[in-house]
Protein backbone atom coordinates (compact mmCIF):
# COMPACT_ATOMS: atom_id res chain seq x y z
CA MET A 1 4.82 -16.76 3.12
CA THR A 2 8.06 -17.24 1.19
CA LEU A 3 9.73 -15.73 -1.90
CA VAL A 4 8.94 -18.98 -3.68
CA ASN A 5 5.08 -18.70 -3.02
CA ALA A 6 5.01 -15.05 -4.00
CA ARG A 7 6.94 -15.94 -7.43
CA ALA A 8 4.67 -18.91 -7.79
CA ALA A 9 1.52 -16.73 -7.59
CA PHE A 10 2.45 -14.46 -10.40
CA GLU A 11 3.98 -17.32 -12.60
CA LYS A 12 0.79 -19.50 -12.19
CA ALA A 13 -1.50 -16.67 -13.07
CA ILE A 14 0.35 -15.90 -16.29
CA THR A 15 0.88 -19.52 -17.24
CA ASP A 16 -2.92 -20.38 -16.70
CA SER A 17 -4.02 -17.47 -18.80
CA VAL A 18 -1.68 -18.11 -21.61
CA ASN A 19 -2.15 -22.05 -21.47
CA ASP A 20 -5.90 -21.79 -21.32
CA SER A 21 -6.04 -19.73 -24.58
CA ASP A 22 -2.96 -20.80 -26.61
CA PRO A 23 -1.20 -23.92 -25.40
CA THR A 24 1.28 -23.55 -28.37
CA VAL A 25 3.03 -20.71 -26.76
CA LYS A 26 6.09 -21.91 -24.80
CA LEU A 27 6.64 -20.53 -21.22
CA ILE A 28 10.10 -20.01 -19.76
CA TYR A 29 10.80 -19.11 -16.14
CA ASP A 30 14.05 -17.17 -15.15
CA ASN A 31 14.55 -19.62 -12.31
CA ILE A 32 14.47 -22.84 -14.41
CA PRO A 33 17.03 -23.65 -17.09
CA GLN A 34 15.29 -24.00 -20.65
CA THR A 35 16.44 -25.01 -23.99
CA LEU A 36 14.55 -23.45 -27.05
CA SER A 37 14.55 -25.23 -30.38
CA GLY A 38 13.79 -23.53 -33.63
CA LYS A 39 12.97 -20.08 -34.97
CA THR A 40 9.38 -20.65 -35.37
CA ILE A 41 8.36 -20.83 -31.76
CA THR A 42 6.40 -18.14 -30.07
CA TYR A 43 7.56 -17.95 -26.24
CA VAL A 44 7.28 -15.93 -23.25
CA ALA A 45 10.24 -15.54 -20.85
CA ILE A 46 8.94 -14.70 -17.37
CA SER A 47 11.13 -12.82 -14.78
CA VAL A 48 10.35 -11.97 -11.09
CA THR A 49 12.60 -9.49 -9.31
CA PHE A 50 12.34 -8.51 -5.67
CA ASN A 51 13.12 -5.17 -4.48
CA GLN A 52 11.97 -5.28 -0.77
CA ALA A 53 11.53 -8.16 1.58
CA THR A 54 10.19 -6.59 4.83
CA VAL A 55 8.24 -3.70 6.34
CA GLN A 56 9.36 -2.32 9.67
CA THR A 57 6.25 -1.74 11.65
CA HIS A 58 6.00 -0.51 15.33
CA GLY A 59 7.06 -3.96 16.65
CA ALA A 60 8.84 -6.81 14.68
CA ALA A 61 9.21 -6.54 10.92
CA SER A 62 6.46 -7.90 8.73
CA THR A 63 7.07 -9.81 5.67
CA TYR A 64 6.22 -7.69 2.69
CA TYR A 65 7.63 -8.40 -0.80
CA SER A 66 7.58 -6.02 -3.66
CA GLY A 67 9.28 -5.98 -6.93
CA ALA A 68 8.62 -6.44 -10.78
CA VAL A 69 7.35 -8.91 -13.01
CA GLN A 70 8.54 -8.63 -16.60
CA CYS A 71 7.37 -10.89 -19.42
CA ASN A 72 9.54 -10.74 -22.70
CA ILE A 73 7.18 -12.17 -25.63
CA TYR A 74 9.15 -13.51 -28.52
CA VAL A 75 7.21 -14.07 -31.82
CA PRO A 76 8.94 -15.10 -35.10
CA LYS A 77 9.20 -12.14 -37.30
CA ASN A 78 7.41 -13.65 -40.13
CA LYS A 79 4.14 -13.91 -37.88
CA GLY A 80 3.62 -10.09 -37.54
CA THR A 81 2.74 -7.98 -34.70
CA SER A 82 -0.81 -9.21 -34.34
CA VAL A 83 0.55 -12.55 -32.72
CA LEU A 84 2.73 -10.26 -30.29
CA SER A 85 -0.52 -8.23 -29.45
CA ALA A 86 -2.65 -11.37 -28.83
CA VAL A 87 -0.13 -13.02 -26.43
CA GLY A 88 0.52 -9.72 -24.98
CA GLU A 89 -3.22 -9.59 -24.04
CA LEU A 90 -3.00 -13.01 -22.51
CA VAL A 91 -0.15 -12.05 -20.27
CA ILE A 92 -1.94 -8.99 -19.33
CA SER A 93 -5.06 -10.86 -18.49
CA GLY A 94 -3.02 -13.19 -16.35
CA LEU A 95 -1.37 -10.44 -14.39
CA THR A 96 -4.52 -8.64 -13.80
CA SER A 97 -6.46 -11.76 -12.71
CA ILE A 98 -4.57 -11.61 -9.48
CA ASN A 99 -6.43 -8.37 -8.38
CA ALA A 100 -9.81 -9.69 -9.30
CA SER A 101 -12.34 -10.11 -6.48
CA ASP A 102 -12.79 -13.81 -7.19
CA TYR A 103 -8.98 -14.63 -7.19
CA THR A 104 -8.12 -17.53 -5.04
CA ASP A 105 -4.87 -17.16 -3.10
CA THR A 106 -3.59 -20.61 -3.18
CA PHE A 107 -0.12 -19.58 -2.27
CA SER A 108 -0.87 -17.54 0.93
CA CYS A 109 0.76 -14.42 -0.10
CA LYS A 110 -1.82 -11.77 -0.92
CA PRO A 111 -0.49 -11.02 -4.21
CA ARG A 112 -1.27 -7.47 -6.09
CA VAL A 113 -0.24 -6.01 -9.27
CA GLY A 114 0.19 -2.29 -10.06
CA GLU A 115 -0.22 -0.65 -13.40
CA VAL A 116 0.75 -3.03 -16.32
CA SER A 117 3.03 -1.46 -19.21
CA GLY A 118 3.20 -2.89 -22.65
CA PRO A 119 3.43 -4.57 -24.76
CA ILE A 120 6.36 -2.36 -25.75
CA PRO A 121 7.50 -3.70 -29.29
CA ILE A 122 11.22 -3.90 -30.01
CA GLU A 123 12.78 -5.10 -33.25
CA VAL A 124 16.35 -6.06 -33.27
CA GLU A 125 18.11 -6.62 -36.59
CA ASP A 126 19.37 -10.02 -37.34
CA ARG A 127 17.29 -11.78 -34.89
CA SER A 128 14.70 -14.26 -35.84
CA HIS A 129 12.05 -13.15 -33.30
CA PHE A 130 10.20 -9.88 -32.69
CA LEU A 131 10.17 -8.85 -29.01
CA GLY A 132 7.50 -7.24 -26.80
CA ILE A 133 7.77 -6.43 -23.22
CA VAL A 134 5.00 -6.41 -20.58
CA SER A 135 5.81 -5.40 -17.07
CA CYS A 136 4.31 -4.30 -13.80
CA ALA A 137 5.17 -3.73 -10.13
CA PHE A 138 3.97 -6.05 -7.61
CA SER A 139 3.40 -6.63 -3.92
CA ALA A 140 2.70 -9.59 -1.66
CA ASN A 141 2.45 -9.75 2.04
CA SER A 142 1.41 -12.05 5.04
């Protein structure tokens, strides 16, 4: 298991859920440079942070990653909060799909998500987009 595989498991679950239901939503990953064009695009910025990398057992250390996934959902203000809610539900469905009994672990990292928070709506004056935040803690181990 690697950090890359753990990150990919969460990013793919979110991407698949969003793309399968609304391919017009642009996905941005924190480890890949992106350029956004226009004030009318709905997009999700996915960020994966790692807090722990090993577990010390009675012998050698075991690989155990934990951290947080945060998805910032940006919706043009003229679209209303219903679009934010709809995209938020897609993100949540992607995250929780990892815990489903029929989930296929193609990245060999045994990913799991904890309680999901959000979407927490935030309106920033003088910005073209309304923001909603969905986040959760995660773990992955080999």
